[in-house]
């Protein structure tokens, strides 16, 4: 998976590309952890994500819990329909902030 980090004032955007499988989830977790303390708002741009495995759900859950604990925001942007279906089936749609 490829991850491109953009910083705009107080917001960090991670542009994601590829598959969030076991390997990709580890890369995403590392990217989130290396930037999360620099911001109260992180955007994950899913526009170029083609697959999301359970390991990716775990990573998103950990990230959401962190941002909740610091009263920050984790925003998922441009989520493809195939990934949105996973969020709906797993109930993640109920606690993730998703924008189009």
PDB file of N, CA and C in Angstrom:
ATOM      1  N   UNK A   1       0.841  -1.178   0.000  1.00  0.00           N
ATOM      2  CA  UNK A   1       0.000   0.000   0.000  1.00  0.00           C
ATOM      3  C   UNK A   1       0.881   1.234   0.000  1.00  0.00           C
ATOM      4  N   UNK A   2       0.441   2.252  -0.694  1.00  0.00           N
ATOM      5  CA  UNK A   2       1.133   3.543  -0.709  1.00  0.00           C
ATOM      6  C   UNK A   2       0.378   4.527   0.169  1.00  0.00           C
ATOM      7  N   UNK A   3       1.142   5.319   0.930  1.00  0.00           N
ATOM      8  CA  UNK A   3       0.548   6.334   1.799  1.00  0.00           C
ATOM      9  C   UNK A   3       1.293   7.634   1.570  1.00  0.00           C
ATOM     10  N   UNK A   4       0.550   8.663   1.223  1.00  0.00           N
ATOM     11  CA  UNK A   4       1.119   9.988   1.025  1.00  0.00           C
ATOM     12  C   UNK A   4       0.570  10.895   2.123  1.00  0.00           C
ATOM     13  N   UNK A   5       1.466  11.552   2.854  1.00  0.00           N
ATOM     14  CA  UNK A   5       1.062  12.408   3.966  1.00  0.00           C
ATOM     15  C   UNK A   5       1.107  13.874   3.547  1.00  0.00           C
ATOM     16  N   UNK A   6       0.001  14.572   3.783  1.00  0.00           N
ATOM     17  CA  UNK A   6      -0.091  16.008   3.509  1.00  0.00           C
ATOM     18  C   UNK A   6      -0.439  16.723   4.804  1.00  0.00           C
ATOM     19  N   UNK A   7       0.226  17.843   5.065  1.00  0.00           N
ATOM     20  CA  UNK A   7      -0.093  18.620   6.252  1.00  0.00           C
ATOM     21  C   UNK A   7      -0.536  20.007   5.818  1.00  0.00           C
ATOM     22  N   UNK A   8      -1.723  20.401   6.291  1.00  0.00           N
ATOM     23  CA  UNK A   8      -2.283  21.703   5.971  1.00  0.00           C
ATOM     24  C   UNK A   8      -2.728  22.336   7.281  1.00  0.00           C
ATOM     25  N   UNK A   9      -1.959  23.294   7.761  1.00  0.00           N
ATOM     26  CA  UNK A   9      -2.195  23.923   9.049  1.00  0.00           C
ATOM     27  C   UNK A   9      -2.239  22.858  10.141  1.00  0.00           C
ATOM     28  N   UNK A  10      -3.394  22.669  10.788  1.00  0.00           N
ATOM     29  CA  UNK A  10      -3.500  21.718  11.892  1.00  0.00           C
ATOM     30  C   UNK A  10      -4.041  20.358  11.473  1.00  0.00           C
ATOM     31  N   UNK A  11      -4.268  20.152  10.177  1.00  0.00           N
ATOM     32  CA  UNK A  11      -4.885  18.923   9.693  1.00  0.00           C
ATOM     33  C   UNK A  11      -3.866  18.085   8.933  1.00  0.00           C
ATOM     34  N   UNK A  12      -3.826  16.798   9.263  1.00  0.00           N
ATOM     35  CA  UNK A  12      -2.965  15.868   8.535  1.00  0.00           C
ATOM     36  C   UNK A  12      -3.863  14.961   7.710  1.00  0.00           C
ATOM     37  N   UNK A  13      -3.559  14.868   6.415  1.00  0.00           N
ATOM     38  CA  UNK A  13      -4.293  13.990   5.518  1.00  0.00           C
ATOM     39  C   UNK A  13      -3.375  12.879   5.054  1.00  0.00           C
ATOM     40  N   UNK A  14      -3.842  11.645   5.202  1.00  0.00           N
ATOM     41  CA  UNK A  14      -3.118  10.501   4.669  1.00  0.00           C
ATOM     42  C   UNK A  14      -3.886  10.009   3.443  1.00  0.00           C
ATOM     43  N   UNK A  15      -3.270  10.151   2.285  1.00  0.00           N
ATOM     44  CA  UNK A  15      -3.866   9.655   1.044  1.00  0.00           C
ATOM     45  C   UNK A  15      -3.434   8.200   0.888  1.00  0.00           C
ATOM     46  N   UNK A  16      -4.406   7.307   0.837  1.00  0.00           N
ATOM     47  CA  UNK A  16      -4.148   5.874   0.827  1.00  0.00           C
ATOM     48  C   UNK A  16      -4.396   5.306  -0.562  1.00  0.00           C
ATOM     49  N   UNK A  17      -3.553   4.335  -0.945  1.00  0.00           N
ATOM     50  CA  UNK A  17      -3.716   3.704  -2.252  1.00  0.00           C
ATOM     51  C   UNK A  17      -3.370   2.227  -2.153  1.00  0.00           C
ATOM     52  N   UNK A  18      -4.276   1.392  -2.638  1.00  0.00           N
ATOM     53  CA  UNK A  18      -4.008  -0.038  -2.667  1.00  0.00           C
ATOM     54  C   UNK A  18      -4.940  -0.828  -1.776  1.00  0.00           C
ATOM     55  N   UNK A  19      -4.353  -1.806  -1.072  1.00  0.00           N
ATOM     56  CA  UNK A  19      -5.120  -2.740  -0.246  1.00  0.00           C
ATOM     57  C   UNK A  19      -4.755  -2.567   1.222  1.00  0.00           C
ATOM     58  N   UNK A  20      -5.783  -2.492   2.063  1.00  0.00           N
ATOM     59  CA  UNK A  20      -5.540  -2.483   3.509  1.00  0.00           C
ATOM     60  C   UNK A  20      -5.765  -3.919   3.986  1.00  0.00           C
ATOM     61  N   UNK A  21      -4.768  -4.750   3.692  1.00  0.00           N
ATOM     62  CA  UNK A  21      -4.759  -6.133   4.154  1.00  0.00           C
ATOM     63  C   UNK A  21      -3.848  -6.185   5.376  1.00  0.00           C
ATOM     64  N   UNK A  22      -3.331  -7.349   5.739  1.00  0.00           N
ATOM     65  CA  UNK A  22      -2.487  -7.452   6.932  1.00  0.00           C
ATOM     66  C   UNK A  22      -1.262  -6.542   6.812  1.00  0.00           C
ATOM     67  N   UNK A  23      -0.609  -6.571   5.673  1.00  0.00           N
ATOM     68  CA  UNK A  23       0.579  -5.732   5.468  1.00  0.00           C
ATOM     69  C   UNK A  23       0.195  -4.256   5.417  1.00  0.00           C
ATOM     70  N   UNK A  24      -0.827  -3.938   4.640  1.00  0.00           N
ATOM     71  CA  UNK A  24      -1.272  -2.558   4.513  1.00  0.00           C
ATOM     72  C   UNK A  24      -1.768  -1.973   5.824  1.00  0.00           C
ATOM     73  N   UNK A  25      -2.426  -2.796   6.631  1.00  0.00           N
ATOM     74  CA  UNK A  25      -2.913  -2.328   7.936  1.00  0.00           C
ATOM     75  C   UNK A  25      -1.740  -1.955   8.834  1.00  0.00           C
ATOM     76  N   UNK A  26      -0.678  -2.738   8.777  1.00  0.00           N
ATOM     77  CA  UNK A  26       0.524  -2.405   9.553  1.00  0.00           C
ATOM     78  C   UNK A  26       1.144  -1.102   9.101  1.00  0.00           C
ATOM     79  N   UNK A  27       1.175  -0.901   7.796  1.00  0.00           N
ATOM     80  CA  UNK A  27       1.712   0.359   7.257  1.00  0.00           C
ATOM     81  C   UNK A  27       0.839   1.538   7.650  1.00  0.00           C
ATOM     82  N   UNK A  28      -0.471   1.347   7.586  1.00  0.00           N
ATOM     83  CA  UNK A  28      -1.402   2.416   7.967  1.00  0.00           C
ATOM     84  C   UNK A  28      -1.277   2.730   9.450  1.00  0.00           C
ATOM     85  N   UNK A  29      -1.196   1.716  10.284  1.00  0.00           N
ATOM     86  CA  UNK A  29      -1.058   1.936  11.723  1.00  0.00           C
ATOM     87  C   UNK A  29       0.224   2.706  12.035  1.00  0.00           C
ATOM     88  N   UNK A  30       1.301   2.346  11.356  1.00  0.00           N
ATOM     89  CA  UNK A  30       2.572   3.050  11.550  1.00  0.00           C
ATOM     90  C   UNK A  30       2.454   4.513  11.132  1.00  0.00           C
ATOM     91  N   UNK A  31       1.801   4.773   9.993  1.00  0.00           N
ATOM     92  CA  UNK A  31       1.633   6.145   9.518  1.00  0.00           C
ATOM     93  C   UNK A  31       0.767   6.965  10.476  1.00  0.00           C
ATOM     94  N   UNK A  32      -0.317   6.378  10.937  1.00  0.00           N
ATOM     95  CA  UNK A  32      -1.193   7.080  11.884  1.00  0.00           C
ATOM     96  C   UNK A  32      -0.431   7.386  13.165  1.00  0.00           C
ATOM     97  N   UNK A  33       0.245   6.376  13.702  1.00  0.00           N
ATOM     98  CA  UNK A  33       0.963   6.562  14.965  1.00  0.00           C
ATOM     99  C   UNK A  33       2.083   7.590  14.865  1.00  0.00           C
ATOM    100  N   UNK A  34       2.715   7.684  13.719  1.00  0.00           N
ATOM    101  CA  UNK A  34       3.817   8.637  13.594  1.00  0.00           C
ATOM    102  C   UNK A  34       3.345  10.081  13.437  1.00  0.00           C
ATOM    103  N   UNK A  35       2.056  10.282  13.137  1.00  0.00           N
ATOM    104  CA  UNK A  35       1.539  11.645  12.932  1.00  0.00           C
ATOM    105  C   UNK A  35       0.445  12.050  13.905  1.00  0.00           C
ATOM    106  N   UNK A  36      -0.142  11.116  14.640  1.00  0.00           N
ATOM    107  CA  UNK A  36      -1.346  11.422  15.414  1.00  0.00           C
ATOM    108  C   UNK A  36      -1.137  12.454  16.511  1.00  0.00           C
ATOM    109  N   UNK A  37       0.039  12.525  17.084  1.00  0.00           N
ATOM    110  CA  UNK A  37       0.256  13.475  18.170  1.00  0.00           C
ATOM    111  C   UNK A  37       0.521  14.889  17.659  1.00  0.00           C
ATOM    112  N   UNK A  38       0.610  15.042  16.350  1.00  0.00           N
ATOM    113  CA  UNK A  38       0.845  16.358  15.752  1.00  0.00           C
ATOM    114  C   UNK A  38      -0.451  17.067  15.371  1.00  0.00           C
ATOM    115  N   UNK A  39      -1.591  16.415  15.589  1.00  0.00           N
ATOM    116  CA  UNK A  39      -2.849  16.985  15.120  1.00  0.00           C
ATOM    117  C   UNK A  39      -4.023  16.541  15.987  1.00  0.00           C
ATOM    118  N   UNK A  40      -5.083  17.306  15.938  1.00  0.00           N
ATOM    119  CA  UNK A  40      -6.352  16.913  16.563  1.00  0.00           C
ATOM    120  C   UNK A  40      -7.335  16.443  15.490  1.00  0.00           C
ATOM    121  N   UNK A  41      -6.954  16.608  14.210  1.00  0.00           N
ATOM    122  CA  UNK A  41      -7.813  16.147  13.117  1.00  0.00           C
ATOM    123  C   UNK A  41      -6.958  15.456  12.070  1.00  0.00           C
ATOM    124  N   UNK A  42      -7.299  14.200  11.816  1.00  0.00           N
ATOM    125  CA  UNK A  42      -6.617  13.440  10.778  1.00  0.00           C
ATOM    126  C   UNK A  42      -7.658  12.965   9.775  1.00  0.00           C
ATOM    127  N   UNK A  43      -7.340  13.141   8.506  1.00  0.00           N
ATOM    128  CA  UNK A  43      -8.211  12.694   7.422  1.00  0.00           C
ATOM    129  C   UNK A  43      -7.533  11.518   6.733  1.00  0.00           C
ATOM    130  N   UNK A  44      -8.289  10.452   6.544  1.00  0.00           N
ATOM    131  CA  UNK A  44      -7.823   9.311   5.776  1.00  0.00           C
ATOM    132  C   UNK A  44      -8.599   9.303   4.463  1.00  0.00           C
ATOM    133  N   UNK A  45      -7.900   9.546   3.355  1.00  0.00           N
ATOM    134  CA  UNK A  45      -8.543   9.594   2.046  1.00  0.00           C
ATOM    135  C   UNK A  45      -8.509   8.192   1.437  1.00  0.00           C
ATOM    136  N   UNK A  46      -9.669   7.565   1.338  1.00  0.00           N
ATOM    137  CA  UNK A  46      -9.815   6.194   0.867  1.00  0.00           C
ATOM    138  C   UNK A  46     -10.074   6.101  -0.637  1.00  0.00           C
ATOM    139  N   UNK A  47      -9.971   7.188  -1.352  1.00  0.00           N
ATOM    140  CA  UNK A  47     -10.372   7.207  -2.756  1.00  0.00           C
ATOM    141  C   UNK A  47      -9.751   6.074  -3.578  1.00  0.00           C
ATOM    142  N   UNK A  48      -8.508   5.726  -3.303  1.00  0.00           N
ATOM    143  CA  UNK A  48      -7.817   4.711  -4.106  1.00  0.00           C
ATOM    144  C   UNK A  48      -7.614   3.393  -3.360  1.00  0.00           C
ATOM    145  N   UNK A  49      -8.498   3.114  -2.400  1.00  0.00           N
ATOM    146  CA  UNK A  49      -8.447   1.840  -1.677  1.00  0.00           C
ATOM    147  C   UNK A  49      -9.370   0.847  -2.390  1.00  0.00           C
ATOM    148  N   UNK A  50      -8.856  -0.359  -2.630  1.00  0.00           N
ATOM    149  CA  UNK A  50      -9.623  -1.369  -3.363  1.00  0.00           C
ATOM    150  C   UNK A  50     -10.021  -2.556  -2.486  1.00  0.00           C
ATOM    151  N   UNK A  51      -9.496  -2.615  -1.251  1.00  0.00           N
ATOM    152  CA  UNK A  51      -9.779  -3.768  -0.390  1.00  0.00           C
ATOM    153  C   UNK A  51      -9.520  -3.382   1.055  1.00  0.00           C
ATOM    154  N   UNK A  52     -10.371  -3.889   1.952  1.00  0.00           N
ATOM    155  CA  UNK A  52     -10.201  -3.656   3.384  1.00  0.00           C
ATOM    156  C   UNK A  52     -10.420  -4.969   4.127  1.00  0.00           C
ATOM    157  N   UNK A  53      -9.391  -5.446   4.815  1.00  0.00           N
ATOM    158  CA  UNK A  53      -9.464  -6.686   5.597  1.00  0.00           C
ATOM    159  C   UNK A  53      -9.740  -6.366   7.058  1.00  0.00           C
ATOM    160  N   UNK A  54      -9.974  -7.405   7.848  1.00  0.00           N
ATOM    161  CA  UNK A  54     -10.248  -7.218   9.270  1.00  0.00           C
ATOM    162  C   UNK A  54      -9.086  -6.557   9.998  1.00  0.00           C
ATOM    163  N   UNK A  55      -7.866  -6.792   9.549  1.00  0.00           N
ATOM    164  CA  UNK A  55      -6.715  -6.122  10.167  1.00  0.00           C
ATOM    165  C   UNK A  55      -6.825  -4.610   9.992  1.00  0.00           C
ATOM    166  N   UNK A  56      -7.363  -4.174   8.865  1.00  0.00           N
ATOM    167  CA  UNK A  56      -7.585  -2.746   8.640  1.00  0.00           C
ATOM    168  C   UNK A  56      -8.657  -2.189   9.550  1.00  0.00           C
ATOM    169  N   UNK A  57      -9.688  -2.986   9.805  1.00  0.00           N
ATOM    170  CA  UNK A  57     -10.735  -2.558  10.739  1.00  0.00           C
ATOM    171  C   UNK A  57     -10.152  -2.360  12.130  1.00  0.00           C
ATOM    172  N   UNK A  58      -9.288  -3.258  12.535  1.00  0.00           N
ATOM    173  CA  UNK A  58      -8.633  -3.134  13.843  1.00  0.00           C
ATOM    174  C   UNK A  58      -7.837  -1.837  13.917  1.00  0.00           C
ATOM    175  N   UNK A  59      -7.089  -1.544  12.870  1.00  0.00           N
ATOM    176  CA  UNK A  59      -6.290  -0.323  12.834  1.00  0.00           C
ATOM    177  C   UNK A  59      -7.178   0.914  12.933  1.00  0.00           C
ATOM    178  N   UNK A  60      -8.278   0.917  12.204  1.00  0.00           N
ATOM    179  CA  UNK A  60      -9.209   2.054  12.255  1.00  0.00           C
ATOM    180  C   UNK A  60      -9.847   2.184  13.627  1.00  0.00           C
ATOM    181  N   UNK A  61     -10.173   1.065  14.252  1.00  0.00           N
ATOM    182  CA  UNK A  61     -10.763   1.090  15.589  1.00  0.00           C
ATOM    183  C   UNK A  61      -9.777   1.683  16.592  1.00  0.00           C
ATOM    184  N   UNK A  62      -8.527   1.256  16.536  1.00  0.00           N
ATOM    185  CA  UNK A  62      -7.504   1.810  17.437  1.00  0.00           C
ATOM    186  C   UNK A  62      -7.324   3.312  17.214  1.00  0.00           C
ATOM    187  N   UNK A  63      -7.291   3.718  15.955  1.00  0.00           N
ATOM    188  CA  UNK A  63      -7.130   5.139  15.638  1.00  0.00           C
ATOM    189  C   UNK A  63      -8.325   5.948  16.139  1.00  0.00           C
ATOM    190  N   UNK A  64      -9.535   5.425  15.920  1.00  0.00           N
ATOM    191  CA  UNK A  64     -10.733   6.122  16.379  1.00  0.00           C
ATOM    192  C   UNK A  64     -10.729   6.259  17.896  1.00  0.00           C
ATOM    193  N   UNK A  65     -10.355   5.190  18.588  1.00  0.00           N
ATOM    194  CA  UNK A  65     -10.278   5.244  20.050  1.00  0.00           C
ATOM    195  C   UNK A  65      -9.280   6.292  20.519  1.00  0.00           C
ATOM    196  N   UNK A  66      -8.140   6.396  19.849  1.00  0.00           N
ATOM    197  CA  UNK A  66      -7.144   7.402  20.222  1.00  0.00           C
ATOM    198  C   UNK A  66      -7.728   8.804  20.046  1.00  0.00           C
ATOM    199  N   UNK A  67      -8.297   9.087  18.873  1.00  0.00           N
ATOM    200  CA  UNK A  67      -8.806  10.433  18.622  1.00  0.00           C
ATOM    201  C   UNK A  67      -9.988  10.764  19.533  1.00  0.00           C
ATOM    202  N   UNK A  68     -10.793   9.781  19.870  1.00  0.00           N
ATOM    203  CA  UNK A  68     -11.856  10.010  20.855  1.00  0.00           C
ATOM    204  C   UNK A  68     -11.259  10.389  22.205  1.00  0.00           C
ATOM    205  N   UNK A  69     -10.181   9.724  22.601  1.00  0.00           N
ATOM    206  CA  UNK A  69      -9.582   9.964  23.919  1.00  0.00           C
ATOM    207  C   UNK A  69      -8.949  11.345  24.035  1.00  0.00           C
ATOM    208  N   UNK A  70      -8.525  11.925  22.919  1.00  0.00           N
ATOM    209  CA  UNK A  70      -7.911  13.261  22.966  1.00  0.00           C
ATOM    210  C   UNK A  70      -8.880  14.332  22.457  1.00  0.00           C
ATOM    211  N   UNK A  71     -10.154  13.931  22.307  1.00  0.00           N
ATOM    212  CA  UNK A  71     -11.195  14.828  21.816  1.00  0.00           C
ATOM    213  C   UNK A  71     -10.837  15.415  20.450  1.00  0.00           C
ATOM    214  N   UNK A  72     -10.280  14.551  19.618  1.00  0.00           N
ATOM    215  CA  UNK A  72      -9.932  14.930  18.251  1.00  0.00           C
ATOM    216  C   UNK A  72     -10.913  14.314  17.271  1.00  0.00           C
ATOM    217  N   UNK A  73     -10.549  14.383  15.986  1.00  0.00           N
ATOM    218  CA  UNK A  73     -11.420  13.847  14.935  1.00  0.00           C
ATOM    219  C   UNK A  73     -10.608  12.997  13.969  1.00  0.00           C
ATOM    220  N   UNK A  74     -11.142  11.851  13.645  1.00  0.00           N
ATOM    221  CA  UNK A  74     -10.632  11.008  12.578  1.00  0.00           C
ATOM    222  C   UNK A  74     -11.720  10.976  11.518  1.00  0.00           C
ATOM    223  N   UNK A  75     -11.395  11.449  10.323  1.00  0.00           N
ATOM    224  CA  UNK A  75     -12.385  11.567   9.260  1.00  0.00           C
ATOM    225  C   UNK A  75     -11.954  10.691   8.087  1.00  0.00           C
ATOM    226  N   UNK A  76     -12.877   9.865   7.605  1.00  0.00           N
ATOM    227  CA  UNK A  76     -12.633   9.053   6.422  1.00  0.00           C
ATOM    228  C   UNK A  76     -13.304   9.732   5.246  1.00  0.00           C
ATOM    229  N   UNK A  77     -12.555   9.910   4.182  1.00  0.00           N
ATOM    230  CA  UNK A  77     -13.007  10.684   3.033  1.00  0.00           C
ATOM    231  C   UNK A  77     -12.999   9.800   1.789  1.00  0.00           C
ATOM    232  N   UNK A  78     -13.957  10.014   0.908  1.00  0.00           N
ATOM    233  CA  UNK A  78     -14.003   9.335  -0.395  1.00  0.00           C
ATOM    234  C   UNK A  78     -13.977   7.815  -0.274  1.00  0.00           C
ATOM    235  N   UNK A  79     -14.804   7.276   0.608  1.00  0.00           N
ATOM    236  CA  UNK A  79     -14.823   5.833   0.838  1.00  0.00           C
ATOM    237  C   UNK A  79     -15.559   5.144  -0.319  1.00  0.00           C
ATOM    238  N   UNK A  80     -14.885   4.211  -1.013  1.00  0.00           N
ATOM    239  CA  UNK A  80     -15.542   3.488  -2.115  1.00  0.00           C
ATOM    240  C   UNK A  80     -16.681   2.606  -1.603  1.00  0.00           C
ATOM    241  N   UNK A  81     -17.618   2.309  -2.475  1.00  0.00           N
ATOM    242  CA  UNK A  81     -18.799   1.521  -2.110  1.00  0.00           C
ATOM    243  C   UNK A  81     -18.415   0.162  -1.525  1.00  0.00           C
ATOM    244  N   UNK A  82     -17.413  -0.489  -2.083  1.00  0.00           N
ATOM    245  CA  UNK A  82     -17.029  -1.817  -1.599  1.00  0.00           C
ATOM    246  C   UNK A  82     -16.522  -1.765  -0.155  1.00  0.00           C
ATOM    247  N   UNK A  83     -15.842  -0.686   0.203  1.00  0.00           N
ATOM    248  CA  UNK A  83     -15.366  -0.508   1.578  1.00  0.00           C
ATOM    249  C   UNK A  83     -16.520  -0.075   2.475  1.00  0.00           C
ATOM    250  N   UNK A  84     -17.406   0.758   1.959  1.00  0.00           N
ATOM    251  CA  UNK A  84     -18.570   1.201   2.725  1.00  0.00           C
ATOM    252  C   UNK A  84     -19.438   0.006   3.120  1.00  0.00           C
ATOM    253  N   UNK A  85     -19.540  -0.978   2.238  1.00  0.00           N
ATOM    254  CA  UNK A  85     -20.304  -2.181   2.551  1.00  0.00           C
ATOM    255  C   UNK A  85     -19.693  -2.923   3.744  1.00  0.00           C
ATOM    256  N   UNK A  86     -18.376  -2.957   3.821  1.00  0.00           N
ATOM    257  CA  UNK A  86     -17.701  -3.592   4.962  1.00  0.00           C
ATOM    258  C   UNK A  86     -18.030  -2.827   6.240  1.00  0.00           C
ATOM    259  N   UNK A  87     -17.980  -1.498   6.184  1.00  0.00           N
ATOM    260  CA  UNK A  87     -18.310  -0.688   7.363  1.00  0.00           C
ATOM    261  C   UNK A  87     -19.753  -0.921   7.808  1.00  0.00           C
ATOM    262  N   UNK A  88     -20.661  -1.047   6.846  1.00  0.00           N
ATOM    263  CA  UNK A  88     -22.069  -1.276   7.185  1.00  0.00           C
ATOM    264  C   UNK A  88     -22.270  -2.653   7.804  1.00  0.00           C
ATOM    265  N   UNK A  89     -21.651  -3.687   7.230  1.00  0.00           N
ATOM    266  CA  UNK A  89     -21.819  -5.051   7.736  1.00  0.00           C
ATOM    267  C   UNK A  89     -21.217  -5.234   9.125  1.00  0.00           C
ATOM    268  N   UNK A  90     -20.153  -4.500   9.425  1.00  0.00           N
ATOM    269  CA  UNK A  90     -19.461  -4.672  10.704  1.00  0.00           C
ATOM    270  C   UNK A  90     -19.928  -3.695  11.775  1.00  0.00           C
ATOM    271  N   UNK A  91     -20.760  -2.730  11.411  1.00  0.00           N
ATOM    272  CA  UNK A  91     -21.225  -1.739  12.371  1.00  0.00           C
ATOM    273  C   UNK A  91     -20.266  -0.575  12.552  1.00  0.00           C
ATOM    274  N   UNK A  92     -19.171  -0.564  11.824  1.00  0.00           N
ATOM    275  CA  UNK A  92     -18.209   0.527  11.945  1.00  0.00           C
ATOM    276  C   UNK A  92     -18.800   1.845  11.459  1.00  0.00           C
ATOM    277  N   UNK A  93     -19.801   1.762  10.609  1.00  0.00           N
ATOM    278  CA  UNK A  93     -20.441   2.981  10.101  1.00  0.00           C
ATOM    279  C   UNK A  93     -21.079   3.778  11.227  1.00  0.00           C
ATOM    280  N   UNK A  94     -21.363   3.099  12.349  1.00  0.00           N
ATOM    281  CA  UNK A  94     -22.027   3.757  13.478  1.00  0.00           C
ATOM    282  C   UNK A  94     -21.101   4.655  14.287  1.00  0.00           C
ATOM    283  N   UNK A  95     -19.799   4.442  14.212  1.00  0.00           N
ATOM    284  CA  UNK A  95     -18.904   5.272  15.032  1.00  0.00           C
ATOM    285  C   UNK A  95     -17.781   5.942  14.252  1.00  0.00           C
ATOM    286  N   UNK A  96     -17.614   5.616  12.985  1.00  0.00           N
ATOM    287  CA  UNK A  96     -16.625   6.326  12.176  1.00  0.00           C
ATOM    288  C   UNK A  96     -17.255   7.567  11.553  1.00  0.00           C
ATOM    289  N   UNK A  97     -16.481   8.619  11.428  1.00  0.00           N
ATOM    290  CA  UNK A  97     -16.939   9.834  10.756  1.00  0.00           C
ATOM    291  C   UNK A  97     -16.547   9.707   9.291  1.00  0.00           C
ATOM    292  N   UNK A  98     -17.554   9.559   8.419  1.00  0.00           N
ATOM    293  CA  UNK A  98     -17.318   9.322   7.003  1.00  0.00           C
ATOM    294  C   UNK A  98     -17.924  10.461   6.197  1.00  0.00           C
ATOM    295  N   UNK A  99     -17.098  11.058   5.332  1.00  0.00           N
ATOM    296  CA  UNK A  99     -17.556  12.130   4.460  1.00  0.00           C
ATOM    297  C   UNK A  99     -17.303  11.714   3.015  1.00  0.00           C
ATOM    298  N   UNK A 100     -18.127  12.274   2.111  1.00  0.00           N
ATOM    299  CA  UNK A 100     -17.927  11.945   0.695  1.00  0.00           C
ATOM    300  C   UNK A 100     -17.104  12.985  -0.010  1.00  0.00           C
TER     301      UNK A 100
END
